Amino acid sequence: MNEPDLAIVDRIRRGETHLYEVLIRRYNQRLYRIARSFVNDDAEAQDVMQEAYIKAYTALPRFQGRALFSTWLTRILINCALGHLRSRARLADVTLDESRVAAEDSVDRAMAREQVARLIERTIDTLPSKYRAVFIMRELEDMTVAETAACIGITPVNAKVRLHRAKRLLREGLQKEMPDISLYGFFGVRCDRMTNRIMDKIRSGQLPAGLPHAQVVDELRADVGAH
């Protein structure tokens, strides 16, 4: 579905709530990568994503389109991530249900690329958070300098400086040598699980379809103001 974000948002607000799934799938990869850059943990990144999607859905009636929907959604995600960092709440049971299949005869090229990708991710994880976030937004998500700066709340010049410093901290040319590797992937089953989790809440009536609850709106306003 190639319909613009704003058109989909308008249809959702008119009652076509099932279309929220389109937006979730459209931004799952971006939100996962950015959440991961802040919380530095796979399970918690998904928790932050779910919180952001719920906040965004309940606040849709207040979205006025003054910024891109993608920017608005990303700012909500970042506020949720910062909230998790402040509270230092960590999940007690973290299970990775992704299967790990070893090659029977030898490690094939696909497995080797996967291992290298994990190595690169671990290297990126060692960056200071303020550099890591900008690096992921700009280099992995191809976000513009302006949108990156707007999402984090810094100047475009500062965003450029942080990206330059992030690159200097990484091993020179590591990512250029392997341009086909997708870092912090959030596709397939993982994307489906997140999407279905949010849509199940919408279908079951756990999330309001009309005006957002006052508490949710107040919390969102407080988050944006604090940012």
N, C-alpha and C. Protein backbone atom coordinates (compact mmCIF):
# COMPACT_ATOMS: atom_id res chain seq x y z
N MET A 1 0.86 -1.20 0.00
CA MET A 1 0.00 0.00 0.00
C MET A 1 0.89 1.25 0.00
N ASN A 2 0.79 2.05 -1.06
CA ASN A 2 1.65 3.21 -1.22
C ASN A 2 0.99 4.53 -0.83
N GLU A 3 -0.14 4.45 -0.18
CA GLU A 3 -0.85 5.66 0.21
C GLU A 3 -0.01 6.46 1.21
N PRO A 4 0.03 7.79 1.09
CA PRO A 4 0.82 8.62 2.01
C PRO A 4 0.38 8.45 3.47
N ASP A 5 1.31 8.68 4.37
CA ASP A 5 1.02 8.54 5.80
C ASP A 5 -0.19 9.36 6.23
N LEU A 6 -0.24 10.62 5.83
CA LEU A 6 -1.31 11.50 6.27
C LEU A 6 -2.67 11.00 5.82
N ALA A 7 -2.74 10.47 4.60
CA ALA A 7 -4.00 9.94 4.10
C ALA A 7 -4.45 8.74 4.93
N ILE A 8 -3.48 7.89 5.29
CA ILE A 8 -3.81 6.72 6.12
C ILE A 8 -4.26 7.16 7.50
N VAL A 9 -3.57 8.13 8.07
CA VAL A 9 -3.95 8.65 9.40
C VAL A 9 -5.38 9.18 9.37
N ASP A 10 -5.73 9.92 8.34
CA ASP A 10 -7.09 10.46 8.23
C ASP A 10 -8.12 9.34 8.15
N ARG A 11 -7.82 8.30 7.42
CA ARG A 11 -8.76 7.17 7.30
C ARG A 11 -8.90 6.43 8.63
N ILE A 12 -7.80 6.30 9.37
CA ILE A 12 -7.87 5.67 10.69
C ILE A 12 -8.75 6.48 11.61
N ARG A 13 -8.58 7.80 11.57
CA ARG A 13 -9.37 8.67 12.45
C ARG A 13 -10.85 8.66 12.06
N ARG A 14 -11.14 8.29 10.83
CA ARG A 14 -12.54 8.19 10.40
C ARG A 14 -13.14 6.81 10.68
N GLY A 15 -12.34 5.94 11.31
CA GLY A 15 -12.90 4.66 11.72
C GLY A 15 -12.25 3.43 11.11
N GLU A 16 -11.37 3.58 10.13
CA GLU A 16 -10.72 2.43 9.51
C GLU A 16 -9.47 2.06 10.32
N THR A 17 -9.72 1.63 11.55
CA THR A 17 -8.62 1.39 12.48
C THR A 17 -7.68 0.27 12.02
N HIS A 18 -8.19 -0.64 11.17
CA HIS A 18 -7.35 -1.74 10.70
C HIS A 18 -6.15 -1.24 9.89
N LEU A 19 -6.23 0.00 9.37
CA LEU A 19 -5.14 0.54 8.57
C LEU A 19 -3.92 0.92 9.41
N TYR A 20 -4.07 0.92 10.72
CA TYR A 20 -2.90 1.21 11.56
C TYR A 20 -1.81 0.17 11.33
N GLU A 21 -2.23 -1.03 10.93
CA GLU A 21 -1.26 -2.08 10.64
C GLU A 21 -0.31 -1.65 9.52
N VAL A 22 -0.81 -0.90 8.56
CA VAL A 22 0.04 -0.42 7.46
C VAL A 22 1.16 0.45 8.00
N LEU A 23 0.81 1.36 8.91
CA LEU A 23 1.82 2.25 9.48
C LEU A 23 2.81 1.49 10.34
N ILE A 24 2.33 0.51 11.08
CA ILE A 24 3.23 -0.27 11.92
C ILE A 24 4.27 -0.99 11.07
N ARG A 25 3.80 -1.67 10.04
CA ARG A 25 4.73 -2.40 9.17
C ARG A 25 5.66 -1.44 8.43
N ARG A 26 5.18 -0.28 8.11
CA ARG A 26 5.97 0.70 7.39
C ARG A 26 7.14 1.21 8.24
N TYR A 27 6.94 1.30 9.56
CA TYR A 27 7.97 1.91 10.43
C TYR A 27 8.57 0.97 11.45
N ASN A 28 8.24 -0.32 11.40
CA ASN A 28 8.81 -1.27 12.35
C ASN A 28 10.34 -1.27 12.31
N GLN A 29 10.90 -1.31 11.09
CA GLN A 29 12.36 -1.37 10.98
C GLN A 29 13.01 -0.13 11.57
N ARG A 30 12.49 1.04 11.20
CA ARG A 30 13.07 2.29 11.69
C ARG A 30 12.97 2.36 13.21
N LEU A 31 11.78 2.09 13.75
CA LEU A 31 11.60 2.23 15.19
C LEU A 31 12.45 1.24 15.97
N TYR A 32 12.60 0.03 15.45
CA TYR A 32 13.42 -0.95 16.16
C TYR A 32 14.87 -0.48 16.21
N ARG A 33 15.38 -0.04 15.07
CA ARG A 33 16.78 0.39 15.03
C ARG A 33 17.04 1.57 15.97
N ILE A 34 16.13 2.54 15.96
CA ILE A 34 16.33 3.72 16.79
C ILE A 34 16.16 3.38 18.27
N ALA A 35 15.15 2.56 18.58
CA ALA A 35 14.97 2.14 19.98
C ALA A 35 16.20 1.38 20.46
N ARG A 36 16.72 0.52 19.61
CA ARG A 36 17.90 -0.28 19.95
C ARG A 36 19.11 0.61 20.21
N SER A 37 19.18 1.73 19.48
CA SER A 37 20.32 2.62 19.66
C SER A 37 20.30 3.30 21.02
N PHE A 38 19.11 3.42 21.62
CA PHE A 38 19.00 4.06 22.93
C PHE A 38 19.11 3.05 24.07
N VAL A 39 18.32 1.98 24.01
CA VAL A 39 18.26 1.06 25.15
C VAL A 39 19.31 -0.04 25.07
N ASN A 40 19.88 -0.26 23.86
CA ASN A 40 20.99 -1.19 23.70
C ASN A 40 20.62 -2.61 24.13
N ASP A 41 19.36 -2.99 23.91
CA ASP A 41 18.90 -4.32 24.30
C ASP A 41 17.74 -4.70 23.40
N ASP A 42 17.79 -5.90 22.84
CA ASP A 42 16.78 -6.33 21.88
C ASP A 42 15.37 -6.38 22.49
N ALA A 43 15.24 -7.06 23.62
CA ALA A 43 13.93 -7.23 24.23
C ALA A 43 13.34 -5.89 24.66
N GLU A 44 14.17 -5.05 25.26
CA GLU A 44 13.67 -3.76 25.73
C GLU A 44 13.33 -2.84 24.56
N ALA A 45 14.07 -2.97 23.47
CA ALA A 45 13.76 -2.17 22.28
C ALA A 45 12.36 -2.48 21.78
N GLN A 46 11.98 -3.75 21.80
CA GLN A 46 10.64 -4.13 21.37
C GLN A 46 9.58 -3.61 22.34
N ASP A 47 9.93 -3.61 23.62
CA ASP A 47 9.01 -3.08 24.62
C ASP A 47 8.78 -1.58 24.39
N VAL A 48 9.85 -0.86 24.07
CA VAL A 48 9.76 0.56 23.78
C VAL A 48 8.91 0.79 22.53
N MET A 49 9.11 -0.04 21.52
CA MET A 49 8.32 0.07 20.29
C MET A 49 6.83 -0.07 20.57
N GLN A 50 6.47 -1.09 21.34
CA GLN A 50 5.06 -1.31 21.64
C GLN A 50 4.46 -0.11 22.37
N GLU A 51 5.19 0.41 23.33
CA GLU A 51 4.71 1.58 24.07
C GLU A 51 4.52 2.77 23.14
N ALA A 52 5.46 2.97 22.23
CA ALA A 52 5.38 4.10 21.30
C ALA A 52 4.20 3.96 20.36
N TYR A 53 3.98 2.77 19.84
CA TYR A 53 2.85 2.55 18.93
C TYR A 53 1.52 2.79 19.62
N ILE A 54 1.42 2.36 20.87
CA ILE A 54 0.18 2.56 21.62
C ILE A 54 -0.05 4.04 21.88
N LYS A 55 1.00 4.74 22.30
CA LYS A 55 0.87 6.18 22.56
C LYS A 55 0.49 6.92 21.28
N ALA A 56 1.13 6.56 20.19
CA ALA A 56 0.85 7.23 18.92
C ALA A 56 -0.58 6.98 18.49
N TYR A 57 -1.05 5.76 18.64
CA TYR A 57 -2.42 5.43 18.22
C TYR A 57 -3.44 6.22 19.02
N THR A 58 -3.27 6.26 20.33
CA THR A 58 -4.25 6.96 21.17
C THR A 58 -4.17 8.47 20.98
N ALA A 59 -3.04 8.94 20.46
CA ALA A 59 -2.88 10.39 20.25
C ALA A 59 -3.17 10.81 18.81
N LEU A 60 -3.54 9.89 17.94
CA LEU A 60 -3.80 10.24 16.54
C LEU A 60 -4.81 11.37 16.36
N PRO A 61 -5.88 11.42 17.18
CA PRO A 61 -6.82 12.53 17.01
C PRO A 61 -6.20 13.90 17.24
N ARG A 62 -5.08 13.96 17.95
CA ARG A 62 -4.42 15.23 18.22
C ARG A 62 -3.30 15.53 17.22
N PHE A 63 -2.99 14.58 16.36
CA PHE A 63 -1.92 14.81 15.38
C PHE A 63 -2.40 15.79 14.33
N GLN A 64 -1.71 16.92 14.22
CA GLN A 64 -2.16 18.00 13.34
C GLN A 64 -1.36 18.10 12.05
N GLY A 65 -0.38 17.25 11.87
CA GLY A 65 0.36 17.25 10.62
C GLY A 65 1.35 18.38 10.46
N ARG A 66 1.69 19.06 11.54
CA ARG A 66 2.68 20.14 11.43
C ARG A 66 4.08 19.59 11.15
N ALA A 67 4.31 18.35 11.54
CA ALA A 67 5.56 17.65 11.22
C ALA A 67 5.20 16.39 10.45
N LEU A 68 6.17 15.78 9.80
CA LEU A 68 5.92 14.51 9.14
C LEU A 68 5.45 13.50 10.17
N PHE A 69 4.54 12.61 9.77
CA PHE A 69 4.08 11.58 10.69
C PHE A 69 5.26 10.75 11.18
N SER A 70 6.20 10.47 10.27
CA SER A 70 7.36 9.67 10.65
C SER A 70 8.19 10.36 11.73
N THR A 71 8.34 11.67 11.62
CA THR A 71 9.08 12.43 12.63
C THR A 71 8.34 12.42 13.95
N TRP A 72 7.04 12.65 13.88
CA TRP A 72 6.20 12.66 15.08
C TRP A 72 6.27 11.31 15.79
N LEU A 73 6.15 10.23 15.03
CA LEU A 73 6.20 8.89 15.61
C LEU A 73 7.58 8.60 16.20
N THR A 74 8.62 9.02 15.52
CA THR A 74 9.98 8.80 16.01
C THR A 74 10.24 9.56 17.30
N ARG A 75 9.72 10.77 17.40
CA ARG A 75 9.89 11.55 18.63
C ARG A 75 9.18 10.86 19.80
N ILE A 76 8.02 10.30 19.55
CA ILE A 76 7.31 9.56 20.60
C ILE A 76 8.16 8.37 21.03
N LEU A 77 8.72 7.66 20.06
CA LEU A 77 9.55 6.51 20.37
C LEU A 77 10.75 6.92 21.22
N ILE A 78 11.42 7.99 20.84
CA ILE A 78 12.59 8.43 21.59
C ILE A 78 12.22 8.81 23.01
N ASN A 79 11.09 9.48 23.18
CA ASN A 79 10.63 9.82 24.53
C ASN A 79 10.36 8.56 25.35
N CYS A 80 9.79 7.55 24.72
CA CYS A 80 9.55 6.29 25.42
C CYS A 80 10.87 5.63 25.80
N ALA A 81 11.83 5.66 24.89
CA ALA A 81 13.14 5.06 25.17
C ALA A 81 13.83 5.78 26.32
N LEU A 82 13.77 7.12 26.31
CA LEU A 82 14.38 7.89 27.40
C LEU A 82 13.69 7.59 28.73
N GLY A 83 12.37 7.39 28.68
CA GLY A 83 11.64 7.03 29.88
C GLY A 83 12.10 5.70 30.44
N HIS A 84 12.35 4.74 29.55
CA HIS A 84 12.83 3.44 29.99
C HIS A 84 14.22 3.56 30.60
N LEU A 85 15.04 4.39 30.01
CA LEU A 85 16.39 4.56 30.56
C LEU A 85 16.33 5.21 31.93
N ARG A 86 15.43 6.18 32.07
CA ARG A 86 15.32 6.86 33.37
C ARG A 86 14.83 5.91 34.46
N SER A 87 13.89 5.10 34.13
CA SER A 87 13.33 4.19 35.13
C SER A 87 14.19 2.96 35.36
N ARG A 88 15.07 2.69 34.40
CA ARG A 88 15.95 1.52 34.46
C ARG A 88 15.17 0.24 34.68
N ALA A 89 13.97 0.19 34.08
CA ALA A 89 13.16 -1.02 34.20
C ALA A 89 13.59 -2.01 33.13
N ARG A 90 13.96 -3.17 33.54
CA ARG A 90 14.39 -4.20 32.62
C ARG A 90 13.49 -5.42 32.76
N LEU A 91 13.22 -6.07 31.65
CA LEU A 91 12.41 -7.28 31.69
C LEU A 91 13.15 -8.39 32.42
N ALA A 92 12.43 -9.10 33.29
CA ALA A 92 13.06 -10.17 34.04
C ALA A 92 13.30 -11.40 33.17
N ASP A 93 12.31 -11.72 32.35
CA ASP A 93 12.44 -12.88 31.49
C ASP A 93 12.62 -12.41 30.06
N VAL A 94 13.81 -12.59 29.56
CA VAL A 94 14.10 -12.22 28.18
C VAL A 94 14.45 -13.49 27.43
N THR A 95 13.61 -13.83 26.50
CA THR A 95 13.86 -15.03 25.71
C THR A 95 13.90 -14.66 24.26
N LEU A 96 14.87 -15.15 23.59
CA LEU A 96 14.97 -14.93 22.15
C LEU A 96 14.48 -16.19 21.48
N ASP A 97 13.31 -16.08 20.82
CA ASP A 97 12.72 -17.26 20.22
C ASP A 97 13.07 -17.40 18.75
N GLU A 98 14.12 -16.69 18.33
CA GLU A 98 14.56 -16.85 16.96
C GLU A 98 15.44 -18.09 16.90
N SER A 99 15.15 -18.94 15.96
CA SER A 99 15.89 -20.19 15.84
C SER A 99 17.31 -19.94 15.36
N ARG A 100 18.24 -20.74 15.87
CA ARG A 100 19.63 -20.66 15.45
C ARG A 100 20.02 -22.00 14.83
N VAL A 101 20.09 -21.98 13.55
CA VAL A 101 20.34 -23.22 12.82
C VAL A 101 21.79 -23.26 12.35
N ALA A 102 22.52 -24.25 12.79
CA ALA A 102 23.92 -24.39 12.38
C ALA A 102 23.99 -25.23 11.12
N ALA A 103 24.87 -24.89 10.24
CA ALA A 103 25.06 -25.65 9.02
C ALA A 103 25.63 -27.01 9.37
N GLU A 104 25.15 -28.07 8.71
CA GLU A 104 25.58 -29.42 9.05
C GLU A 104 27.01 -29.68 8.58
N ASP A 105 27.35 -29.23 7.41
CA ASP A 105 28.68 -29.53 6.87
C ASP A 105 29.67 -28.39 7.10
N SER A 106 29.28 -27.20 6.80
CA SER A 106 30.18 -26.05 6.95
C SER A 106 29.36 -24.78 7.06
N VAL A 107 29.99 -23.74 7.53
CA VAL A 107 29.31 -22.45 7.65
C VAL A 107 29.24 -21.83 6.27
N ASP A 108 28.02 -21.68 5.74
CA ASP A 108 27.88 -21.15 4.40
C ASP A 108 27.95 -19.62 4.42
N ARG A 109 27.87 -19.04 3.25
CA ARG A 109 28.05 -17.60 3.16
C ARG A 109 26.98 -16.82 3.91
N ALA A 110 25.75 -17.32 3.89
CA ALA A 110 24.67 -16.62 4.59
C ALA A 110 24.94 -16.57 6.08
N MET A 111 25.40 -17.69 6.64
CA MET A 111 25.70 -17.73 8.06
C MET A 111 26.88 -16.82 8.38
N ALA A 112 27.86 -16.79 7.49
CA ALA A 112 29.02 -15.93 7.71
C ALA A 112 28.61 -14.47 7.71
N ARG A 113 27.73 -14.09 6.79
CA ARG A 113 27.25 -12.70 6.77
C ARG A 113 26.50 -12.36 8.04
N GLU A 114 25.72 -13.34 8.53
CA GLU A 114 24.97 -13.12 9.77
C GLU A 114 25.92 -12.89 10.94
N GLN A 115 26.98 -13.67 11.00
CA GLN A 115 27.94 -13.54 12.08
C GLN A 115 28.66 -12.19 12.02
N VAL A 116 29.00 -11.79 10.80
CA VAL A 116 29.66 -10.49 10.64
C VAL A 116 28.72 -9.37 11.03
N ALA A 117 27.43 -9.50 10.64
CA ALA A 117 26.45 -8.48 10.99
C ALA A 117 26.35 -8.33 12.50
N ARG A 118 26.35 -9.45 13.22
CA ARG A 118 26.27 -9.39 14.68
C ARG A 118 27.52 -8.71 15.25
N LEU A 119 28.68 -8.99 14.61
CA LEU A 119 29.92 -8.35 15.06
C LEU A 119 29.84 -6.84 14.87
N ILE A 120 29.31 -6.42 13.73
CA ILE A 120 29.18 -4.98 13.47
C ILE A 120 28.21 -4.36 14.47
N GLU A 121 27.10 -5.05 14.74
CA GLU A 121 26.13 -4.53 15.70
C GLU A 121 26.76 -4.36 17.07
N ARG A 122 27.56 -5.34 17.48
CA ARG A 122 28.23 -5.23 18.79
C ARG A 122 29.20 -4.06 18.80
N THR A 123 29.86 -3.82 17.65
CA THR A 123 30.78 -2.68 17.57
C THR A 123 30.02 -1.37 17.68
N ILE A 124 28.88 -1.28 17.00
CA ILE A 124 28.05 -0.08 17.08
C ILE A 124 27.54 0.12 18.51
N ASP A 125 27.24 -0.99 19.18
CA ASP A 125 26.74 -0.91 20.55
C ASP A 125 27.74 -0.26 21.50
N THR A 126 29.02 -0.30 21.14
CA THR A 126 30.03 0.29 22.03
C THR A 126 30.10 1.81 21.90
N LEU A 127 29.45 2.37 20.88
CA LEU A 127 29.47 3.83 20.73
C LEU A 127 28.71 4.49 21.86
N PRO A 128 29.11 5.67 22.28
CA PRO A 128 28.30 6.44 23.23
C PRO A 128 26.91 6.64 22.65
N SER A 129 25.89 6.60 23.48
CA SER A 129 24.51 6.60 23.00
C SER A 129 24.18 7.77 22.10
N LYS A 130 24.71 8.96 22.39
CA LYS A 130 24.35 10.12 21.58
C LYS A 130 24.92 10.02 20.17
N TYR A 131 26.06 9.34 20.03
CA TYR A 131 26.62 9.12 18.70
C TYR A 131 25.95 7.94 18.00
N ARG A 132 25.66 6.91 18.78
CA ARG A 132 25.04 5.71 18.22
C ARG A 132 23.68 6.02 17.62
N ALA A 133 22.89 6.84 18.30
CA ALA A 133 21.56 7.17 17.80
C ALA A 133 21.63 7.89 16.46
N VAL A 134 22.51 8.88 16.37
CA VAL A 134 22.65 9.63 15.12
C VAL A 134 23.18 8.74 14.01
N PHE A 135 24.14 7.88 14.33
CA PHE A 135 24.70 6.99 13.32
C PHE A 135 23.63 6.08 12.73
N ILE A 136 22.80 5.50 13.59
CA ILE A 136 21.77 4.59 13.11
C ILE A 136 20.71 5.32 12.31
N MET A 137 20.30 6.49 12.78
CA MET A 137 19.29 7.26 12.04
C MET A 137 19.79 7.65 10.66
N ARG A 138 21.03 8.13 10.60
CA ARG A 138 21.56 8.65 9.33
C ARG A 138 22.07 7.55 8.40
N GLU A 139 22.86 6.62 8.95
CA GLU A 139 23.52 5.64 8.09
C GLU A 139 22.68 4.40 7.81
N LEU A 140 21.92 3.94 8.78
CA LEU A 140 21.12 2.74 8.57
C LEU A 140 19.71 3.05 8.09
N GLU A 141 19.13 4.12 8.60
CA GLU A 141 17.76 4.47 8.22
C GLU A 141 17.68 5.52 7.12
N ASP A 142 18.81 6.09 6.73
CA ASP A 142 18.85 7.10 5.67
C ASP A 142 17.96 8.30 5.97
N MET A 143 17.82 8.63 7.25
CA MET A 143 17.06 9.81 7.61
C MET A 143 17.88 11.05 7.27
N THR A 144 17.22 12.13 6.93
CA THR A 144 17.92 13.37 6.59
C THR A 144 18.52 13.99 7.85
N VAL A 145 19.47 14.90 7.65
CA VAL A 145 20.06 15.61 8.77
C VAL A 145 18.98 16.37 9.53
N ALA A 146 18.09 17.02 8.77
CA ALA A 146 17.04 17.83 9.40
C ALA A 146 16.11 16.98 10.25
N GLU A 147 15.69 15.81 9.71
CA GLU A 147 14.76 14.98 10.47
C GLU A 147 15.46 14.36 11.68
N THR A 148 16.70 13.95 11.53
CA THR A 148 17.46 13.40 12.65
C THR A 148 17.58 14.43 13.77
N ALA A 149 17.94 15.65 13.39
CA ALA A 149 18.08 16.72 14.38
C ALA A 149 16.76 17.01 15.06
N ALA A 150 15.67 17.03 14.28
CA ALA A 150 14.35 17.32 14.85
C ALA A 150 13.91 16.24 15.82
N CYS A 151 14.19 14.99 15.49
CA CYS A 151 13.78 13.88 16.34
C CYS A 151 14.51 13.89 17.68
N ILE A 152 15.79 14.21 17.65
CA ILE A 152 16.60 14.18 18.88
C ILE A 152 16.52 15.49 19.65
N GLY A 153 16.24 16.58 18.91
CA GLY A 153 16.18 17.88 19.58
C GLY A 153 17.52 18.59 19.61
N ILE A 154 18.31 18.42 18.55
CA ILE A 154 19.59 19.10 18.44
C ILE A 154 19.61 19.87 17.13
N THR A 155 20.66 20.64 16.90
CA THR A 155 20.75 21.40 15.66
C THR A 155 21.29 20.50 14.55
N PRO A 156 21.00 20.84 13.29
CA PRO A 156 21.55 20.06 12.17
C PRO A 156 23.07 20.01 12.20
N VAL A 157 23.69 21.11 12.58
CA VAL A 157 25.16 21.13 12.65
C VAL A 157 25.65 20.12 13.69
N ASN A 158 24.97 20.08 14.83
CA ASN A 158 25.34 19.13 15.89
C ASN A 158 25.14 17.70 15.42
N ALA A 159 24.08 17.48 14.65
CA ALA A 159 23.82 16.13 14.12
C ALA A 159 24.95 15.69 13.20
N LYS A 160 25.43 16.61 12.37
CA LYS A 160 26.55 16.30 11.48
C LYS A 160 27.82 15.99 12.27
N VAL A 161 28.06 16.77 13.30
CA VAL A 161 29.26 16.56 14.13
C VAL A 161 29.21 15.20 14.81
N ARG A 162 28.03 14.85 15.34
CA ARG A 162 27.90 13.57 16.03
C ARG A 162 28.11 12.40 15.06
N LEU A 163 27.58 12.54 13.85
CA LEU A 163 27.76 11.47 12.87
C LEU A 163 29.24 11.32 12.52
N HIS A 164 29.91 12.42 12.34
CA HIS A 164 31.35 12.38 12.01
C HIS A 164 32.13 11.69 13.12
N ARG A 165 31.81 12.02 14.36
CA ARG A 165 32.52 11.41 15.48
C ARG A 165 32.19 9.94 15.62
N ALA A 166 30.94 9.59 15.32
CA ALA A 166 30.54 8.17 15.39
C ALA A 166 31.34 7.35 14.38
N LYS A 167 31.48 7.88 13.19
CA LYS A 167 32.24 7.16 12.17
C LYS A 167 33.70 7.00 12.56
N ARG A 168 34.23 8.01 13.19
CA ARG A 168 35.64 7.94 13.60
C ARG A 168 35.84 6.88 14.67
N LEU A 169 34.81 6.66 15.51
CA LEU A 169 34.91 5.67 16.58
C LEU A 169 34.77 4.24 16.06
N LEU A 170 34.15 4.08 14.92
CA LEU A 170 33.99 2.74 14.35
C LEU A 170 35.24 2.37 13.55
N ARG A 171 35.46 1.13 13.36
CA ARG A 171 36.60 0.71 12.56
C ARG A 171 36.40 1.20 11.13
N GLU A 172 37.46 1.81 10.60
CA GLU A 172 37.37 2.47 9.30
C GLU A 172 37.00 1.48 8.20
N GLY A 173 35.95 1.89 7.49
CA GLY A 173 35.55 1.14 6.31
C GLY A 173 34.83 -0.15 6.57
N LEU A 174 34.47 -0.48 7.85
CA LEU A 174 33.85 -1.77 8.16
C LEU A 174 32.53 -1.94 7.44
N GLN A 175 31.70 -0.92 7.49
CA GLN A 175 30.39 -1.04 6.86
C GLN A 175 30.47 -0.90 5.34
N LYS A 176 31.46 -0.12 4.85
CA LYS A 176 31.59 0.05 3.41
C LYS A 176 31.97 -1.27 2.73
N GLU A 177 32.70 -2.12 3.45
CA GLU A 177 33.13 -3.39 2.89
C GLU A 177 31.98 -4.38 2.78
N MET A 178 30.90 -4.16 3.55
CA MET A 178 29.77 -5.09 3.54
C MET A 178 28.46 -4.33 3.44
N PRO A 179 28.21 -3.69 2.30
CA PRO A 179 27.01 -2.85 2.17
C PRO A 179 25.71 -3.62 2.10
N ASP A 180 25.79 -4.93 1.85
CA ASP A 180 24.55 -5.69 1.67
C ASP A 180 24.02 -6.28 2.96
N ILE A 181 24.74 -6.06 4.08
CA ILE A 181 24.30 -6.61 5.36
C ILE A 181 23.30 -5.68 6.02
N SER A 182 22.17 -6.24 6.44
CA SER A 182 21.15 -5.45 7.11
C SER A 182 21.36 -5.54 8.61
N LEU A 183 21.68 -4.42 9.23
CA LEU A 183 21.94 -4.40 10.67
C LEU A 183 20.67 -4.16 11.46
N TYR A 184 20.62 -4.76 12.64
CA TYR A 184 19.45 -4.64 13.51
C TYR A 184 18.17 -4.95 12.73
N GLY A 185 18.17 -6.07 12.03
CA GLY A 185 17.02 -6.43 11.21
C GLY A 185 15.78 -6.67 12.03
N PHE A 186 14.66 -6.22 11.51
CA PHE A 186 13.38 -6.43 12.20
C PHE A 186 12.34 -6.81 11.15
N PHE A 187 12.60 -7.93 10.48
CA PHE A 187 11.75 -8.36 9.39
C PHE A 187 11.01 -9.65 9.77
N GLY A 188 10.28 -10.17 8.80
CA GLY A 188 9.67 -11.50 8.92
C GLY A 188 8.85 -11.71 10.16
N VAL A 189 9.17 -12.79 10.87
CA VAL A 189 8.41 -13.18 12.06
C VAL A 189 8.43 -12.11 13.13
N ARG A 190 9.56 -11.46 13.31
CA ARG A 190 9.67 -10.44 14.36
C ARG A 190 8.74 -9.27 14.05
N CYS A 191 8.75 -8.84 12.79
CA CYS A 191 7.86 -7.75 12.37
C CYS A 191 6.41 -8.15 12.55
N ASP A 192 6.08 -9.40 12.17
CA ASP A 192 4.70 -9.89 12.30
C ASP A 192 4.25 -9.90 13.76
N ARG A 193 5.14 -10.34 14.66
CA ARG A 193 4.77 -10.42 16.07
C ARG A 193 4.43 -9.04 16.63
N MET A 194 5.29 -8.04 16.34
CA MET A 194 5.04 -6.70 16.85
C MET A 194 3.74 -6.14 16.27
N THR A 195 3.56 -6.31 14.97
CA THR A 195 2.36 -5.80 14.31
C THR A 195 1.11 -6.44 14.89
N ASN A 196 1.12 -7.75 15.02
CA ASN A 196 -0.06 -8.46 15.53
C ASN A 196 -0.36 -8.10 16.98
N ARG A 197 0.71 -7.87 17.75
CA ARG A 197 0.52 -7.52 19.16
C ARG A 197 -0.26 -6.21 19.30
N ILE A 198 0.12 -5.21 18.51
CA ILE A 198 -0.56 -3.91 18.57
C ILE A 198 -1.97 -4.01 17.99
N MET A 199 -2.10 -4.69 16.85
CA MET A 199 -3.40 -4.77 16.20
C MET A 199 -4.39 -5.58 17.04
N ASP A 200 -3.91 -6.59 17.77
CA ASP A 200 -4.80 -7.36 18.65
C ASP A 200 -5.39 -6.47 19.73
N LYS A 201 -4.57 -5.53 20.25
CA LYS A 201 -5.07 -4.61 21.27
C LYS A 201 -6.14 -3.68 20.68
N ILE A 202 -5.92 -3.26 19.45
CA ILE A 202 -6.89 -2.37 18.80
C ILE A 202 -8.19 -3.12 18.53
N ARG A 203 -8.09 -4.32 17.99
CA ARG A 203 -9.29 -5.10 17.65
C ARG A 203 -10.09 -5.50 18.90
N SER A 204 -9.37 -5.74 20.00
CA SER A 204 -10.06 -6.18 21.22
C SER A 204 -10.67 -5.02 22.00
N GLY A 205 -10.42 -3.79 21.54
CA GLY A 205 -10.99 -2.64 22.22
C GLY A 205 -10.15 -2.15 23.38
N GLN A 206 -8.94 -2.67 23.55
CA GLN A 206 -8.09 -2.22 24.65
C GLN A 206 -7.58 -0.80 24.44
N LEU A 207 -7.54 -0.37 23.18
CA LEU A 207 -7.12 0.99 22.87
C LEU A 207 -8.32 1.76 22.35
N PRO A 208 -8.48 3.01 22.76
CA PRO A 208 -9.64 3.79 22.33
C PRO A 208 -9.57 4.11 20.85
N ALA A 209 -10.70 3.99 20.17
CA ALA A 209 -10.76 4.27 18.73
C ALA A 209 -11.07 5.73 18.47
N GLY A 210 -11.61 6.41 19.49
CA GLY A 210 -11.96 7.82 19.30
C GLY A 210 -10.93 8.72 19.93
N LEU A 211 -11.41 9.75 20.68
CA LEU A 211 -10.48 10.66 21.34
C LEU A 211 -9.67 9.90 22.39
N PRO A 212 -8.39 10.22 22.53
CA PRO A 212 -7.55 9.52 23.49
C PRO A 212 -7.95 9.82 24.93
N HIS A 213 -7.64 8.86 25.80
CA HIS A 213 -7.91 9.09 27.22
C HIS A 213 -7.10 10.28 27.71
N ALA A 214 -7.65 11.03 28.62
CA ALA A 214 -6.97 12.23 29.12
C ALA A 214 -5.61 11.89 29.70
N GLN A 215 -5.54 10.76 30.41
CA GLN A 215 -4.27 10.39 31.04
C GLN A 215 -3.18 10.15 30.00
N VAL A 216 -3.55 9.49 28.90
CA VAL A 216 -2.59 9.20 27.85
C VAL A 216 -2.13 10.50 27.20
N VAL A 217 -3.09 11.39 26.93
CA VAL A 217 -2.75 12.68 26.30
C VAL A 217 -1.84 13.49 27.20
N ASP A 218 -2.16 13.54 28.50
CA ASP A 218 -1.35 14.31 29.44
C ASP A 218 0.07 13.74 29.50
N GLU A 219 0.17 12.42 29.49
CA GLU A 219 1.48 11.78 29.57
C GLU A 219 2.28 12.09 28.31
N LEU A 220 1.63 12.02 27.16
CA LEU A 220 2.32 12.31 25.90
C LEU A 220 2.78 13.77 25.87
N ARG A 221 1.91 14.68 26.32
CA ARG A 221 2.25 16.10 26.32
C ARG A 221 3.44 16.34 27.25
N ALA A 222 3.45 15.66 28.38
CA ALA A 222 4.55 15.81 29.33
C ALA A 222 5.85 15.30 28.73
N ASP A 223 5.76 14.17 28.00
CA ASP A 223 6.95 13.61 27.37
C ASP A 223 7.53 14.58 26.36
N VAL A 224 6.68 15.12 25.49
CA VAL A 224 7.13 16.02 24.45
C VAL A 224 7.71 17.28 25.05
N GLY A 225 7.06 17.77 26.10
CA GLY A 225 7.54 18.98 26.76
C GLY A 225 8.89 18.75 27.41
N ALA A 226 9.08 17.57 28.00
CA ALA A 226 10.36 17.26 28.64
C ALA A 226 11.46 17.11 27.64
N HIS A 227 11.10 16.67 26.45
CA HIS A 227 12.13 16.47 25.43
C HIS A 227 12.64 17.80 24.91
